[in-house]
Amino acid sequence: VALLVTESRLPDSEVHPALHVWRGIVPT
């Protein structure tokens, strides 16, 4: 996974916690 792009508003999470979870899965 080279790049993760997210909108600033998500239906089920704040952005910062979501990014934290995603980084734990694909830190690179």
PDB file of all heavy atoms in Angstrom:
ATOM      1  N   VAL A   1       0.865  -1.178   0.000  1.00  0.00           N
ATOM      2  CA  VAL A   1       0.000   0.000   0.000  1.00  0.00           C
ATOM      3  C   VAL A   1       0.900   1.226   0.000  1.00  0.00           C
ATOM      4  O   VAL A   1       1.638   1.472   0.948  1.00  0.00           O
ATOM      5  CB  VAL A   1      -0.928   0.015   1.225  1.00  0.00           C
ATOM      6  CG1 VAL A   1      -1.826   1.254   1.188  1.00  0.00           C
ATOM      7  CG2 VAL A   1      -1.777  -1.252   1.265  1.00  0.00           C
ATOM      8  N   ALA A   2       0.842   1.987  -1.074  1.00  0.00           N
ATOM      9  CA  ALA A   2       1.712   3.151  -1.214  1.00  0.00           C
ATOM     10  C   ALA A   2       1.120   4.392  -0.564  1.00  0.00           C
ATOM     11  O   ALA A   2       1.838   5.194   0.039  1.00  0.00           O
ATOM     12  CB  ALA A   2       1.986   3.432  -2.690  1.00  0.00           C
ATOM     13  N   LEU A   3      -0.198   4.579  -0.668  1.00  0.00           N
ATOM     14  CA  LEU A   3      -0.794   5.847  -0.263  1.00  0.00           C
ATOM     15  C   LEU A   3      -2.202   5.617   0.277  1.00  0.00           C
ATOM     16  O   LEU A   3      -2.985   4.848  -0.297  1.00  0.00           O
ATOM     17  CB  LEU A   3      -0.858   6.791  -1.474  1.00  0.00           C
ATOM     18  CG  LEU A   3      -1.329   8.222  -1.244  1.00  0.00           C
ATOM     19  CD1 LEU A   3      -0.346   8.982  -0.361  1.00  0.00           C
ATOM     20  CD2 LEU A   3      -1.496   8.947  -2.584  1.00  0.00           C
ATOM     21  N   LEU A   4      -2.501   6.282   1.395  1.00  0.00           N
ATOM     22  CA  LEU A   4      -3.843   6.315   1.967  1.00  0.00           C
ATOM     23  C   LEU A   4      -4.365   7.748   1.880  1.00  0.00           C
ATOM     24  O   LEU A   4      -3.712   8.677   2.378  1.00  0.00           O
ATOM     25  CB  LEU A   4      -3.821   5.883   3.426  1.00  0.00           C
ATOM     26  CG  LEU A   4      -3.610   4.402   3.729  1.00  0.00           C
ATOM     27  CD1 LEU A   4      -3.278   4.221   5.198  1.00  0.00           C
ATOM     28  CD2 LEU A   4      -4.868   3.635   3.370  1.00  0.00           C
ATOM     29  N   VAL A   5      -5.521   7.929   1.274  1.00  0.00           N
ATOM     30  CA  VAL A   5      -6.132   9.253   1.163  1.00  0.00           C
ATOM     31  C   VAL A   5      -7.506   9.182   1.806  1.00  0.00           C
ATOM     32  O   VAL A   5      -8.323   8.321   1.453  1.00  0.00           O
ATOM     33  CB  VAL A   5      -6.256   9.693  -0.312  1.00  0.00           C
ATOM     34  CG1 VAL A   5      -6.853  11.093  -0.386  1.00  0.00           C
ATOM     35  CG2 VAL A   5      -4.910   9.652  -1.006  1.00  0.00           C
ATOM     36  N   THR A   6      -7.757  10.062   2.748  1.00  0.00           N
ATOM     37  CA  THR A   6      -9.061  10.072   3.409  1.00  0.00           C
ATOM     38  C   THR A   6      -9.678  11.460   3.371  1.00  0.00           C
ATOM     39  O   THR A   6      -8.970  12.474   3.387  1.00  0.00           O
ATOM     40  CB  THR A   6      -8.942   9.617   4.875  1.00  0.00           C
ATOM     41  OG1 THR A   6     -10.249   9.651   5.477  1.00  0.00           O
ATOM     42  CG2 THR A   6      -8.002  10.511   5.677  1.00  0.00           C
ATOM     43  N   GLU A   7     -10.988  11.490   3.312  1.00  0.00           N
ATOM     44  CA  GLU A   7     -11.690  12.757   3.492  1.00  0.00           C
ATOM     45  C   GLU A   7     -11.560  13.203   4.946  1.00  0.00           C
ATOM     46  O   GLU A   7     -11.209  12.415   5.827  1.00  0.00           O
ATOM     47  CB  GLU A   7     -13.161  12.599   3.088  1.00  0.00           C
ATOM     48  CG  GLU A   7     -13.365  12.368   1.599  1.00  0.00           C
ATOM     49  CD  GLU A   7     -14.837  12.373   1.221  1.00  0.00           C
ATOM     50  OE1 GLU A   7     -15.635  13.006   1.948  1.00  0.00           O
ATOM     51  OE2 GLU A   7     -15.188  11.745   0.208  1.00  0.00           O
ATOM     52  N   SER A   8     -11.883  14.450   5.195  1.00  0.00           N
ATOM     53  CA  SER A   8     -11.715  15.005   6.542  1.00  0.00           C
ATOM     54  C   SER A   8     -12.852  14.619   7.488  1.00  0.00           C
ATOM     55  O   SER A   8     -12.768  14.867   8.693  1.00  0.00           O
ATOM     56  CB  SER A   8     -11.588  16.529   6.469  1.00  0.00           C
ATOM     57  OG  SER A   8     -12.757  17.097   5.896  1.00  0.00           O
ATOM     58  N   ARG A   9     -13.912  14.026   6.960  1.00  0.00           N
ATOM     59  CA  ARG A   9     -15.034  13.598   7.782  1.00  0.00           C
ATOM     60  C   ARG A   9     -15.413  12.163   7.425  1.00  0.00           C
ATOM     61  O   ARG A   9     -15.608  11.840   6.245  1.00  0.00           O
ATOM     62  CB  ARG A   9     -16.235  14.532   7.593  1.00  0.00           C
ATOM     63  CG  ARG A   9     -15.916  15.968   8.000  1.00  0.00           C
ATOM     64  CD  ARG A   9     -17.116  16.878   7.927  1.00  0.00           C
ATOM     65  NE  ARG A   9     -16.757  18.236   8.336  1.00  0.00           N
ATOM     66  CZ  ARG A   9     -17.640  19.221   8.487  1.00  0.00           C
ATOM     67  NH1 ARG A   9     -18.930  19.002   8.255  1.00  0.00           N
ATOM     68  NH2 ARG A   9     -17.245  20.423   8.873  1.00  0.00           N
ATOM     69  N   LEU A  10     -15.487  11.323   8.445  1.00  0.00           N
ATOM     70  CA  LEU A  10     -15.805   9.914   8.256  1.00  0.00           C
ATOM     71  C   LEU A  10     -17.071   9.583   9.043  1.00  0.00           C
ATOM     72  O   LEU A  10     -17.327  10.162  10.112  1.00  0.00           O
ATOM     73  CB  LEU A  10     -14.646   9.034   8.737  1.00  0.00           C
ATOM     74  CG  LEU A  10     -13.295   9.278   8.050  1.00  0.00           C
ATOM     75  CD1 LEU A  10     -12.209   8.428   8.703  1.00  0.00           C
ATOM     76  CD2 LEU A  10     -13.380   8.989   6.562  1.00  0.00           C
ATOM     77  N   PRO A  11     -17.874   8.627   8.565  1.00  0.00           N
ATOM     78  CA  PRO A  11     -19.157   8.343   9.228  1.00  0.00           C
ATOM     79  C   PRO A  11     -19.017   7.584  10.543  1.00  0.00           C
ATOM     80  O   PRO A  11     -19.924   7.634  11.382  1.00  0.00           O
ATOM     81  CB  PRO A  11     -19.902   7.512   8.186  1.00  0.00           C
ATOM     82  CG  PRO A  11     -18.824   6.856   7.381  1.00  0.00           C
ATOM     83  CD  PRO A  11     -17.713   7.870   7.324  1.00  0.00           C
ATOM     84  N   ASP A  12     -17.901   6.882  10.763  1.00  0.00           N
ATOM     85  CA  ASP A  12     -17.801   5.992  11.923  1.00  0.00           C
ATOM     86  C   ASP A  12     -16.589   6.269  12.801  1.00  0.00           C
ATOM     87  O   ASP A  12     -16.286   5.477  13.709  1.00  0.00           O
ATOM     88  CB  ASP A  12     -17.768   4.536  11.457  1.00  0.00           C
ATOM     89  CG  ASP A  12     -16.651   4.260  10.463  1.00  0.00           C
ATOM     90  OD1 ASP A  12     -16.105   5.236   9.893  1.00  0.00           O
ATOM     91  OD2 ASP A  12     -16.322   3.088  10.258  1.00  0.00           O
ATOM     92  N   SER A  13     -15.870   7.379  12.567  1.00  0.00           N
ATOM     93  CA  SER A  13     -14.682   7.655  13.368  1.00  0.00           C
ATOM     94  C   SER A  13     -14.215   9.075  13.115  1.00  0.00           C
ATOM     95  O   SER A  13     -14.462   9.645  12.043  1.00  0.00           O
ATOM     96  CB  SER A  13     -13.558   6.677  13.014  1.00  0.00           C
ATOM     97  OG  SER A  13     -12.336   7.031  13.639  1.00  0.00           O
ATOM     98  N   GLU A  14     -13.531   9.641  14.125  1.00  0.00           N
ATOM     99  CA  GLU A  14     -12.754  10.844  13.873  1.00  0.00           C
ATOM    100  C   GLU A  14     -11.556  10.473  13.004  1.00  0.00           C
ATOM    101  O   GLU A  14     -11.118   9.317  12.973  1.00  0.00           O
ATOM    102  CB  GLU A  14     -12.278  11.466  15.186  1.00  0.00           C
ATOM    103  CG  GLU A  14     -13.401  11.949  16.089  1.00  0.00           C
ATOM    104  CD  GLU A  14     -14.149  13.120  15.493  1.00  0.00           C
ATOM    105  OE1 GLU A  14     -13.510  13.919  14.770  1.00  0.00           O
ATOM    106  OE2 GLU A  14     -15.357  13.249  15.744  1.00  0.00           O
ATOM    107  N   VAL A  15     -11.009  11.457  12.298  1.00  0.00           N
ATOM    108  CA  VAL A  15      -9.942  11.157  11.344  1.00  0.00           C
ATOM    109  C   VAL A  15      -8.660  10.703  12.045  1.00  0.00           C
ATOM    110  O   VAL A  15      -8.037   9.709  11.647  1.00  0.00           O
ATOM    111  CB  VAL A  15      -9.663  12.370  10.440  1.00  0.00           C
ATOM    112  CG1 VAL A  15      -8.389  12.165   9.629  1.00  0.00           C
ATOM    113  CG2 VAL A  15     -10.839  12.591   9.493  1.00  0.00           C
ATOM    114  N   HIS A  16      -8.253  11.404  13.100  1.00  0.00           N
ATOM    115  CA  HIS A  16      -6.980  11.061  13.747  1.00  0.00           C
ATOM    116  C   HIS A  16      -6.958   9.638  14.299  1.00  0.00           C
ATOM    117  O   HIS A  16      -5.988   8.900  14.057  1.00  0.00           O
ATOM    118  CB  HIS A  16      -6.665  12.067  14.850  1.00  0.00           C
ATOM    119  CG  HIS A  16      -6.198  13.388  14.323  1.00  0.00           C
ATOM    120  ND1 HIS A  16      -6.215  14.536  15.091  1.00  0.00           N
ATOM    121  CD2 HIS A  16      -5.709  13.765  13.118  1.00  0.00           C
ATOM    122  CE1 HIS A  16      -5.757  15.558  14.370  1.00  0.00           C
ATOM    123  NE2 HIS A  16      -5.454  15.109  13.173  1.00  0.00           N
ATOM    124  N   PRO A  17      -7.966   9.185  15.027  1.00  0.00           N
ATOM    125  CA  PRO A  17      -7.953   7.781  15.468  1.00  0.00           C
ATOM    126  C   PRO A  17      -7.950   6.787  14.304  1.00  0.00           C
ATOM    127  O   PRO A  17      -7.311   5.732  14.388  1.00  0.00           O
ATOM    128  CB  PRO A  17      -9.235   7.664  16.300  1.00  0.00           C
ATOM    129  CG  PRO A  17      -9.532   9.051  16.747  1.00  0.00           C
ATOM    130  CD  PRO A  17      -9.085   9.937  15.624  1.00  0.00           C
ATOM    131  N   ALA A  18      -8.673   7.122  13.241  1.00  0.00           N
ATOM    132  CA  ALA A  18      -8.678   6.223  12.078  1.00  0.00           C
ATOM    133  C   ALA A  18      -7.286   6.112  11.458  1.00  0.00           C
ATOM    134  O   ALA A  18      -6.818   5.017  11.143  1.00  0.00           O
ATOM    135  CB  ALA A  18      -9.684   6.731  11.041  1.00  0.00           C
ATOM    136  N   LEU A  19      -6.622   7.255  11.316  1.00  0.00           N
ATOM    137  CA  LEU A  19      -5.267   7.241  10.767  1.00  0.00           C
ATOM    138  C   LEU A  19      -4.328   6.427  11.659  1.00  0.00           C
ATOM    139  O   LEU A  19      -3.442   5.711  11.168  1.00  0.00           O
ATOM    140  CB  LEU A  19      -4.747   8.667  10.627  1.00  0.00           C
ATOM    141  CG  LEU A  19      -5.367   9.520   9.511  1.00  0.00           C
ATOM    142  CD1 LEU A  19      -5.017  10.987   9.711  1.00  0.00           C
ATOM    143  CD2 LEU A  19      -4.896   9.040   8.142  1.00  0.00           C
ATOM    144  N   HIS A  20      -4.521   6.515  12.973  1.00  0.00           N
ATOM    145  CA  HIS A  20      -3.684   5.765  13.904  1.00  0.00           C
ATOM    146  C   HIS A  20      -3.863   4.261  13.694  1.00  0.00           C
ATOM    147  O   HIS A  20      -2.886   3.500  13.666  1.00  0.00           O
ATOM    148  CB  HIS A  20      -4.046   6.145  15.334  1.00  0.00           C
ATOM    149  CG  HIS A  20      -3.145   5.569  16.368  1.00  0.00           C
ATOM    150  ND1 HIS A  20      -1.869   6.030  16.576  1.00  0.00           N
ATOM    151  CD2 HIS A  20      -3.316   4.538  17.245  1.00  0.00           C
ATOM    152  CE1 HIS A  20      -1.297   5.331  17.543  1.00  0.00           C
ATOM    153  NE2 HIS A  20      -2.167   4.419  17.962  1.00  0.00           N
ATOM    154  N   VAL A  21      -5.099   3.830  13.538  1.00  0.00           N
ATOM    155  CA  VAL A  21      -5.372   2.405  13.293  1.00  0.00           C
ATOM    156  C   VAL A  21      -4.767   1.975  11.966  1.00  0.00           C
ATOM    157  O   VAL A  21      -4.120   0.926  11.867  1.00  0.00           O
ATOM    158  CB  VAL A  21      -6.888   2.139  13.319  1.00  0.00           C
ATOM    159  CG1 VAL A  21      -7.194   0.719  12.838  1.00  0.00           C
ATOM    160  CG2 VAL A  21      -7.438   2.348  14.720  1.00  0.00           C
ATOM    161  N   TRP A  22      -4.958   2.773  10.944  1.00  0.00           N
ATOM    162  CA  TRP A  22      -4.451   2.405   9.621  1.00  0.00           C
ATOM    163  C   TRP A  22      -2.932   2.320   9.611  1.00  0.00           C
ATOM    164  O   TRP A  22      -2.355   1.432   8.985  1.00  0.00           O
ATOM    165  CB  TRP A  22      -4.931   3.410   8.574  1.00  0.00           C
ATOM    166  CG  TRP A  22      -6.417   3.511   8.459  1.00  0.00           C
ATOM    167  CD1 TRP A  22      -7.352   2.598   8.886  1.00  0.00           C
ATOM    168  CD2 TRP A  22      -7.169   4.588   7.892  1.00  0.00           C
ATOM    169  NE1 TRP A  22      -8.616   3.042   8.635  1.00  0.00           N
ATOM    170  CE2 TRP A  22      -8.550   4.264   8.011  1.00  0.00           C
ATOM    171  CE3 TRP A  22      -6.822   5.794   7.297  1.00  0.00           C
ATOM    172  CZ2 TRP A  22      -9.554   5.101   7.555  1.00  0.00           C
ATOM    173  CZ3 TRP A  22      -7.821   6.641   6.838  1.00  0.00           C
ATOM    174  CH2 TRP A  22      -9.165   6.292   6.950  1.00  0.00           C
ATOM    175  N   ARG A  23      -2.282   3.255  10.292  1.00  0.00           N
ATOM    176  CA  ARG A  23      -0.817   3.211  10.339  1.00  0.00           C
ATOM    177  C   ARG A  23      -0.331   1.945  11.034  1.00  0.00           C
ATOM    178  O   ARG A  23       0.695   1.370  10.648  1.00  0.00           O
ATOM    179  CB  ARG A  23      -0.240   4.433  11.042  1.00  0.00           C
ATOM    180  CG  ARG A  23       1.283   4.423  11.023  1.00  0.00           C
ATOM    181  CD  ARG A  23       1.899   5.703  11.524  1.00  0.00           C
ATOM    182  NE  ARG A  23       1.780   5.853  12.953  1.00  0.00           N
ATOM    183  CZ  ARG A  23       2.422   6.807  13.648  1.00  0.00           C
ATOM    184  NH1 ARG A  23       3.182   7.681  13.005  1.00  0.00           N
ATOM    185  NH2 ARG A  23       2.270   6.903  14.940  1.00  0.00           N
ATOM    186  N   GLY A  24      -1.052   1.495  12.044  1.00  0.00           N
ATOM    187  CA  GLY A  24      -0.672   0.255  12.698  1.00  0.00           C
ATOM    188  C   GLY A  24      -0.732  -0.946  11.778  1.00  0.00           C
ATOM    189  O   GLY A  24       0.018  -1.918  11.951  1.00  0.00           O
ATOM    190  N   ILE A  25      -1.607  -0.897  10.775  1.00  0.00           N
ATOM    191  CA  ILE A  25      -1.739  -2.020   9.832  1.00  0.00           C
ATOM    192  C   ILE A  25      -0.698  -1.915   8.715  1.00  0.00           C
ATOM    193  O   ILE A  25      -0.044  -2.910   8.368  1.00  0.00           O
ATOM    194  CB  ILE A  25      -3.167  -2.046   9.237  1.00  0.00           C
ATOM    195  CG1 ILE A  25      -4.211  -2.157  10.353  1.00  0.00           C
ATOM    196  CG2 ILE A  25      -3.309  -3.210   8.258  1.00  0.00           C
ATOM    197  CD1 ILE A  25      -5.639  -1.927   9.883  1.00  0.00           C
ATOM    198  N   VAL A  26      -0.538  -0.718   8.145  1.00  0.00           N
ATOM    199  CA  VAL A  26       0.427  -0.517   7.046  1.00  0.00           C
ATOM    200  C   VAL A  26       1.287   0.704   7.370  1.00  0.00           C
ATOM    201  O   VAL A  26       1.047   1.797   6.859  1.00  0.00           O
ATOM    202  CB  VAL A  26      -0.274  -0.363   5.673  1.00  0.00           C
ATOM    203  CG1 VAL A  26      -0.737  -1.698   5.136  1.00  0.00           C
ATOM    204  CG2 VAL A  26      -1.446   0.607   5.759  1.00  0.00           C
ATOM    205  N   PRO A  27       2.300   0.553   8.215  1.00  0.00           N
ATOM    206  CA  PRO A  27       3.083   1.714   8.671  1.00  0.00           C
ATOM    207  C   PRO A  27       3.902   2.384   7.593  1.00  0.00           C
ATOM    208  O   PRO A  27       4.311   3.537   7.764  1.00  0.00           O
ATOM    209  CB  PRO A  27       3.983   1.110   9.752  1.00  0.00           C
ATOM    210  CG  PRO A  27       4.032  -0.348   9.466  1.00  0.00           C
ATOM    211  CD  PRO A  27       2.713  -0.698   8.876  1.00  0.00           C
ATOM    212  N   THR A  28       4.147   1.704   6.475  1.00  0.00           N
ATOM    213  CA  THR A  28       4.983   2.322   5.440  1.00  0.00           C
ATOM    214  C   THR A  28       4.190   3.192   4.475  1.00  0.00           C
ATOM    215  O   THR A  28       4.775   3.962   3.715  1.00  0.00           O
ATOM    216  CB  THR A  28       5.717   1.239   4.622  1.00  0.00           C
ATOM    217  OG1 THR A  28       4.746   0.364   4.030  1.00  0.00           O
ATOM    218  CG2 THR A  28       6.659   0.436   5.508  1.00  0.00           C
TER     219      THR A  28
END
